[in-house]
Amino acid sequence: MTDVIQARDAYQAARDQVRQTRLALGRAIAEARAQDIEQVAIAKKLKLTREQIRRYQAEYEKSLTDES
């Protein structure tokens, strides 16, 4: 049973790391946008869609209000 608990804990730690990394990407996108870098330029460089770029940034911005 210990293996199951350890596996679950490792899985949760990985999910938490992915969330933190997504927020870091969203923050970097928000900072680039604040410097007037166009969303389309960011999307092209990252080989993502503009909607994906918007979602990463929105997730980051929402995390700022969730912390308050």
PDB file of N, CA and C in Angstrom:
ATOM      1  N   MET A   1       0.827  -1.202   0.000  1.00  0.00           N
ATOM      2  CA  MET A   1       0.000   0.000   0.000  1.00  0.00           C
ATOM      3  C   MET A   1       0.865   1.257   0.000  1.00  0.00           C
ATOM      4  N   THR A   2       2.044   1.147   0.590  1.00  0.00           N
ATOM      5  CA  THR A   2       2.953   2.292   0.619  1.00  0.00           C
ATOM      6  C   THR A   2       3.296   2.745  -0.794  1.00  0.00           C
ATOM      7  N   ASP A   3       3.454   1.793  -1.724  1.00  0.00           N
ATOM      8  CA  ASP A   3       3.764   2.138  -3.111  1.00  0.00           C
ATOM      9  C   ASP A   3       2.650   2.967  -3.743  1.00  0.00           C
ATOM     10  N   VAL A   4       1.425   2.623  -3.415  1.00  0.00           N
ATOM     11  CA  VAL A   4       0.278   3.347  -3.956  1.00  0.00           C
ATOM     12  C   VAL A   4       0.298   4.794  -3.461  1.00  0.00           C
ATOM     13  N   ILE A   5       0.537   4.969  -2.193  1.00  0.00           N
ATOM     14  CA  ILE A   5       0.565   6.316  -1.617  1.00  0.00           C
ATOM     15  C   ILE A   5       1.721   7.119  -2.192  1.00  0.00           C
ATOM     16  N   GLN A   6       2.880   6.505  -2.326  1.00  0.00           N
ATOM     17  CA  GLN A   6       4.031   7.199  -2.901  1.00  0.00           C
ATOM     18  C   GLN A   6       3.776   7.584  -4.354  1.00  0.00           C
ATOM     19  N   ALA A   7       3.148   6.699  -5.105  1.00  0.00           N
ATOM     20  CA  ALA A   7       2.827   6.986  -6.502  1.00  0.00           C
ATOM     21  C   ALA A   7       1.830   8.137  -6.606  1.00  0.00           C
ATOM     22  N   ARG A   8       0.827   8.110  -5.726  1.00  0.00           N
ATOM     23  CA  ARG A   8      -0.152   9.202  -5.727  1.00  0.00           C
ATOM     24  C   ARG A   8       0.504  10.531  -5.387  1.00  0.00           C
ATOM     25  N   ASP A   9       1.386  10.535  -4.384  1.00  0.00           N
ATOM     26  CA  ASP A   9       2.076  11.757  -3.988  1.00  0.00           C
ATOM     27  C   ASP A   9       2.979  12.283  -5.101  1.00  0.00           C
ATOM     28  N   ALA A  10       3.658  11.386  -5.803  1.00  0.00           N
ATOM     29  CA  ALA A  10       4.513  11.785  -6.925  1.00  0.00           C
ATOM     30  C   ALA A  10       3.673  12.368  -8.051  1.00  0.00           C
ATOM     31  N   TYR A  11       2.529  11.754  -8.305  1.00  0.00           N
ATOM     32  CA  TYR A  11       1.611  12.241  -9.332  1.00  0.00           C
ATOM     33  C   TYR A  11       1.119  13.645  -8.982  1.00  0.00           C
ATOM     34  N   GLN A  12       0.724  13.860  -7.748  1.00  0.00           N
ATOM     35  CA  GLN A  12       0.246  15.172  -7.326  1.00  0.00           C
ATOM     36  C   GLN A  12       1.356  16.216  -7.403  1.00  0.00           C
ATOM     37  N   ALA A  13       2.559  15.844  -7.025  1.00  0.00           N
ATOM     38  CA  ALA A  13       3.697  16.770  -7.112  1.00  0.00           C
ATOM     39  C   ALA A  13       3.953  17.164  -8.567  1.00  0.00           C
ATOM     40  N   ALA A  14       3.833  16.215  -9.475  1.00  0.00           N
ATOM     41  CA  ALA A  14       4.026  16.511 -10.897  1.00  0.00           C
ATOM     42  C   ALA A  14       2.934  17.455 -11.401  1.00  0.00           C
ATOM     43  N   ARG A  15       1.705  17.215 -10.984  1.00  0.00           N
ATOM     44  CA  ARG A  15       0.600  18.111 -11.389  1.00  0.00           C
ATOM     45  C   ARG A  15       0.822  19.531 -10.862  1.00  0.00           C
ATOM     46  N   ASP A  16       1.282  19.636  -9.626  1.00  0.00           N
ATOM     47  CA  ASP A  16       1.564  20.946  -9.043  1.00  0.00           C
ATOM     48  C   ASP A  16       2.673  21.649  -9.808  1.00  0.00           C
ATOM     49  N   GLN A  17       3.702  20.900 -10.213  1.00  0.00           N
ATOM     50  CA  GLN A  17       4.803  21.488 -10.967  1.00  0.00           C
ATOM     51  C   GLN A  17       4.330  21.971 -12.334  1.00  0.00           C
ATOM     52  N   VAL A  18       3.480  21.203 -12.978  1.00  0.00           N
ATOM     53  CA  VAL A  18       2.936  21.618 -14.273  1.00  0.00           C
ATOM     54  C   VAL A  18       2.149  22.913 -14.111  1.00  0.00           C
ATOM     55  N   ARG A  19       1.354  23.010 -13.066  1.00  0.00           N
ATOM     56  CA  ARG A  19       0.575  24.243 -12.840  1.00  0.00           C
ATOM     57  C   ARG A  19       1.493  25.440 -12.636  1.00  0.00           C
ATOM     58  N   GLN A  20       2.522  25.274 -11.840  1.00  0.00           N
ATOM     59  CA  GLN A  20       3.455  26.386 -11.600  1.00  0.00           C
ATOM     60  C   GLN A  20       4.174  26.795 -12.890  1.00  0.00           C
ATOM     61  N   THR A  21       4.508  25.831 -13.707  1.00  0.00           N
ATOM     62  CA  THR A  21       5.187  26.113 -14.970  1.00  0.00           C
ATOM     63  C   THR A  21       4.245  26.819 -15.942  1.00  0.00           C
ATOM     64  N   ARG A  22       2.981  26.392 -15.974  1.00  0.00           N
ATOM     65  CA  ARG A  22       1.989  27.076 -16.825  1.00  0.00           C
ATOM     66  C   ARG A  22       1.811  28.529 -16.387  1.00  0.00           C
ATOM     67  N   LEU A  23       1.775  28.751 -15.073  1.00  0.00           N
ATOM     68  CA  LEU A  23       1.635  30.121 -14.569  1.00  0.00           C
ATOM     69  C   LEU A  23       2.866  30.960 -14.919  1.00  0.00           C
ATOM     70  N   ALA A  24       4.040  30.352 -14.875  1.00  0.00           N
ATOM     71  CA  ALA A  24       5.263  31.072 -15.247  1.00  0.00           C
ATOM     72  C   ALA A  24       5.224  31.456 -16.729  1.00  0.00           C
ATOM     73  N   LEU A  25       4.726  30.566 -17.570  1.00  0.00           N
ATOM     74  CA  LEU A  25       4.578  30.879 -18.988  1.00  0.00           C
ATOM     75  C   LEU A  25       3.564  32.005 -19.169  1.00  0.00           C
ATOM     76  N   GLY A  26       2.455  31.927 -18.467  1.00  0.00           N
ATOM     77  CA  GLY A  26       1.449  32.993 -18.544  1.00  0.00           C
ATOM     78  C   GLY A  26       2.002  34.332 -18.104  1.00  0.00           C
ATOM     79  N   ARG A  27       2.818  34.330 -17.040  1.00  0.00           N
ATOM     80  CA  ARG A  27       3.443  35.562 -16.570  1.00  0.00           C
ATOM     81  C   ARG A  27       4.387  36.125 -17.628  1.00  0.00           C
ATOM     82  N   ALA A  28       5.181  35.272 -18.246  1.00  0.00           N
ATOM     83  CA  ALA A  28       6.109  35.723 -19.288  1.00  0.00           C
ATOM     84  C   ALA A  28       5.348  36.298 -20.485  1.00  0.00           C
ATOM     85  N   ILE A  29       4.238  35.672 -20.832  1.00  0.00           N
ATOM     86  CA  ILE A  29       3.411  36.186 -21.926  1.00  0.00           C
ATOM     87  C   ILE A  29       2.839  37.547 -21.551  1.00  0.00           C
ATOM     88  N   ALA A  30       2.325  37.675 -20.333  1.00  0.00           N
ATOM     89  CA  ALA A  30       1.763  38.959 -19.882  1.00  0.00           C
ATOM     90  C   ALA A  30       2.831  40.050 -19.911  1.00  0.00           C
ATOM     91  N   GLU A  31       4.041  39.721 -19.492  1.00  0.00           N
ATOM     92  CA  GLU A  31       5.128  40.701 -19.508  1.00  0.00           C
ATOM     93  C   GLU A  31       5.495  41.091 -20.936  1.00  0.00           C
ATOM     94  N   ALA A  32       5.510  40.122 -21.834  1.00  0.00           N
ATOM     95  CA  ALA A  32       5.790  40.427 -23.244  1.00  0.00           C
ATOM     96  C   ALA A  32       4.694  41.311 -23.831  1.00  0.00           C
ATOM     97  N   ARG A  33       3.452  40.996 -23.507  1.00  0.00           N
ATOM     98  CA  ARG A  33       2.329  41.813 -24.002  1.00  0.00           C
ATOM     99  C   ARG A  33       2.405  43.230 -23.450  1.00  0.00           C
ATOM    100  N   ALA A  34       2.868  43.389 -22.207  1.00  0.00           N
ATOM    101  CA  ALA A  34       3.016  44.719 -21.610  1.00  0.00           C
ATOM    102  C   ALA A  34       4.096  45.530 -22.327  1.00  0.00           C
ATOM    103  N   GLN A  35       4.992  44.834 -22.998  1.00  0.00           N
ATOM    104  CA  GLN A  35       6.046  45.498 -23.778  1.00  0.00           C
ATOM    105  C   GLN A  35       5.617  45.668 -25.239  1.00  0.00           C
ATOM    106  N   ASP A  36       4.322  45.547 -25.487  1.00  0.00           N
ATOM    107  CA  ASP A  36       3.717  45.717 -26.812  1.00  0.00           C
ATOM    108  C   ASP A  36       4.145  44.671 -27.833  1.00  0.00           C
ATOM    109  N   ILE A  37       4.517  43.499 -27.362  1.00  0.00           N
ATOM    110  CA  ILE A  37       4.772  42.394 -28.286  1.00  0.00           C
ATOM    111  C   ILE A  37       3.412  41.784 -28.616  1.00  0.00           C
ATOM    112  N   GLU A  38       3.123  41.676 -29.881  1.00  0.00           N
ATOM    113  CA  GLU A  38       1.803  41.223 -30.301  1.00  0.00           C
ATOM    114  C   GLU A  38       1.589  39.743 -29.994  1.00  0.00           C
ATOM    115  N   GLN A  39       0.358  39.449 -29.668  1.00  0.00           N
ATOM    116  CA  GLN A  39      -0.039  38.079 -29.349  1.00  0.00           C
ATOM    117  C   GLN A  39       0.292  37.137 -30.507  1.00  0.00           C
ATOM    118  N   VAL A  40       0.055  37.583 -31.719  1.00  0.00           N
ATOM    119  CA  VAL A  40       0.317  36.756 -32.896  1.00  0.00           C
ATOM    120  C   VAL A  40       1.811  36.440 -33.019  1.00  0.00           C
ATOM    121  N   ALA A  41       2.676  37.375 -32.648  1.00  0.00           N
ATOM    122  CA  ALA A  41       4.122  37.142 -32.707  1.00  0.00           C
ATOM    123  C   ALA A  41       4.542  36.090 -31.675  1.00  0.00           C
ATOM    124  N   ILE A  42       3.958  36.169 -30.482  1.00  0.00           N
ATOM    125  CA  ILE A  42       4.252  35.192 -29.434  1.00  0.00           C
ATOM    126  C   ILE A  42       3.772  33.812 -29.884  1.00  0.00           C
ATOM    127  N   ALA A  43       2.564  33.746 -30.403  1.00  0.00           N
ATOM    128  CA  ALA A  43       1.991  32.476 -30.856  1.00  0.00           C
ATOM    129  C   ALA A  43       2.855  31.855 -31.948  1.00  0.00           C
ATOM    130  N   LYS A  44       3.291  32.671 -32.878  1.00  0.00           N
ATOM    131  CA  LYS A  44       4.112  32.160 -33.973  1.00  0.00           C
ATOM    132  C   LYS A  44       5.437  31.612 -33.441  1.00  0.00           C
ATOM    133  N   LYS A  45       6.073  32.348 -32.547  1.00  0.00           N
ATOM    134  CA  LYS A  45       7.360  31.924 -31.999  1.00  0.00           C
ATOM    135  C   LYS A  45       7.227  30.623 -31.202  1.00  0.00           C
ATOM    136  N   LEU A  46       6.138  30.470 -30.454  1.00  0.00           N
ATOM    137  CA  LEU A  46       5.938  29.280 -29.629  1.00  0.00           C
ATOM    138  C   LEU A  46       5.224  28.147 -30.376  1.00  0.00           C
ATOM    139  N   LYS A  47       4.836  28.434 -31.614  1.00  0.00           N
ATOM    140  CA  LYS A  47       4.089  27.459 -32.430  1.00  0.00           C
ATOM    141  C   LYS A  47       2.806  27.026 -31.728  1.00  0.00           C
ATOM    142  N   LEU A  48       2.091  28.019 -31.217  1.00  0.00           N
ATOM    143  CA  LEU A  48       0.800  27.817 -30.575  1.00  0.00           C
ATOM    144  C   LEU A  48      -0.220  28.691 -31.274  1.00  0.00           C
ATOM    145  N   THR A  49      -1.485  28.517 -30.934  1.00  0.00           N
ATOM    146  CA  THR A  49      -2.512  29.397 -31.475  1.00  0.00           C
ATOM    147  C   THR A  49      -2.641  30.631 -30.583  1.00  0.00           C
ATOM    148  N   ARG A  50      -3.252  31.669 -31.126  1.00  0.00           N
ATOM    149  CA  ARG A  50      -3.489  32.869 -30.320  1.00  0.00           C
ATOM    150  C   ARG A  50      -4.388  32.540 -29.130  1.00  0.00           C
ATOM    151  N   GLU A  51      -5.321  31.625 -29.309  1.00  0.00           N
ATOM    152  CA  GLU A  51      -6.214  31.238 -28.217  1.00  0.00           C
ATOM    153  C   GLU A  51      -5.426  30.580 -27.083  1.00  0.00           C
ATOM    154  N   GLN A  52      -4.457  29.745 -27.423  1.00  0.00           N
ATOM    155  CA  GLN A  52      -3.634  29.123 -26.388  1.00  0.00           C
ATOM    156  C   GLN A  52      -2.847  30.184 -25.620  1.00  0.00           C
ATOM    157  N   ILE A  53      -2.304  31.146 -26.348  1.00  0.00           N
ATOM    158  CA  ILE A  53      -1.559  32.240 -25.713  1.00  0.00           C
ATOM    159  C   ILE A  53      -2.475  33.013 -24.777  1.00  0.00           C
ATOM    160  N   ARG A  54      -3.682  33.306 -25.245  1.00  0.00           N
ATOM    161  CA  ARG A  54      -4.655  34.042 -24.433  1.00  0.00           C
ATOM    162  C   ARG A  54      -4.992  33.257 -23.167  1.00  0.00           C
ATOM    163  N   ARG A  55      -5.154  31.959 -23.290  1.00  0.00           N
ATOM    164  CA  ARG A  55      -5.521  31.141 -22.134  1.00  0.00           C
ATOM    165  C   ARG A  55      -4.403  31.073 -21.095  1.00  0.00           C
ATOM    166  N   TYR A  56      -3.159  30.930 -21.548  1.00  0.00           N
ATOM    167  CA  TYR A  56      -2.039  30.926 -20.603  1.00  0.00           C
ATOM    168  C   TYR A  56      -1.990  32.245 -19.831  1.00  0.00           C
ATOM    169  N   GLN A  57      -2.136  33.355 -20.552  1.00  0.00           N
ATOM    170  CA  GLN A  57      -2.103  34.658 -19.901  1.00  0.00           C
ATOM    171  C   GLN A  57      -3.286  34.825 -18.957  1.00  0.00           C
ATOM    172  N   ALA A  58      -4.457  34.416 -19.388  1.00  0.00           N
ATOM    173  CA  ALA A  58      -5.653  34.535 -18.544  1.00  0.00           C
ATOM    174  C   ALA A  58      -5.528  33.687 -17.279  1.00  0.00           C
ATOM    175  N   GLU A  59      -4.966  32.490 -17.407  1.00  0.00           N
ATOM    176  CA  GLU A  59      -4.788  31.629 -16.235  1.00  0.00           C
ATOM    177  C   GLU A  59      -3.855  32.298 -15.225  1.00  0.00           C
ATOM    178  N   TYR A  60      -2.778  32.903 -15.729  1.00  0.00           N
ATOM    179  CA  TYR A  60      -1.851  33.621 -14.852  1.00  0.00           C
ATOM    180  C   TYR A  60      -2.559  34.795 -14.172  1.00  0.00           C
ATOM    181  N   GLU A  61      -3.273  35.609 -14.942  1.00  0.00           N
ATOM    182  CA  GLU A  61      -3.949  36.779 -14.385  1.00  0.00           C
ATOM    183  C   GLU A  61      -5.006  36.372 -13.362  1.00  0.00           C
ATOM    184  N   LYS A  62      -5.704  35.270 -13.613  1.00  0.00           N
ATOM    185  CA  LYS A  62      -6.695  34.784 -12.649  1.00  0.00           C
ATOM    186  C   LYS A  62      -6.016  34.342 -11.355  1.00  0.00           C
ATOM    187  N   SER A  63      -4.833  33.764 -11.461  1.00  0.00           N
ATOM    188  CA  SER A  63      -4.125  33.311 -10.267  1.00  0.00           C
ATOM    189  C   SER A  63      -3.766  34.495  -9.362  1.00  0.00           C
ATOM    190  N   LEU A  64      -3.606  35.671  -9.938  1.00  0.00           N
ATOM    191  CA  LEU A  64      -3.287  36.854  -9.149  1.00  0.00           C
ATOM    192  C   LEU A  64      -4.468  37.256  -8.271  1.00  0.00           C
ATOM    193  N   THR A  65      -5.666  37.153  -8.811  1.00  0.00           N
ATOM    194  CA  THR A  65      -6.856  37.518  -8.037  1.00  0.00           C
ATOM    195  C   THR A  65      -7.240  36.413  -7.071  1.00  0.00           C
ATOM    196  N   ASP A  66      -6.907  35.168  -7.406  1.00  0.00           N
ATOM    197  CA  ASP A  66      -7.208  34.039  -6.509  1.00  0.00           C
ATOM    198  C   ASP A  66      -6.378  34.102  -5.226  1.00  0.00           C
ATOM    199  N   GLU A  67      -5.182  34.699  -5.295  1.00  0.00           N
ATOM    200  CA  GLU A  67      -4.299  34.768  -4.148  1.00  0.00           C
ATOM    201  C   GLU A  67      -4.738  35.823  -3.135  1.00  0.00           C
ATOM    202  N   SER A  68      -5.524  36.778  -3.583  1.00  0.00           N
ATOM    203  CA  SER A  68      -5.932  37.883  -2.694  1.00  0.00           C
ATOM    204  C   SER A  68      -6.891  37.431  -1.625  1.00  0.00           C
TER     205      SER A  68
END
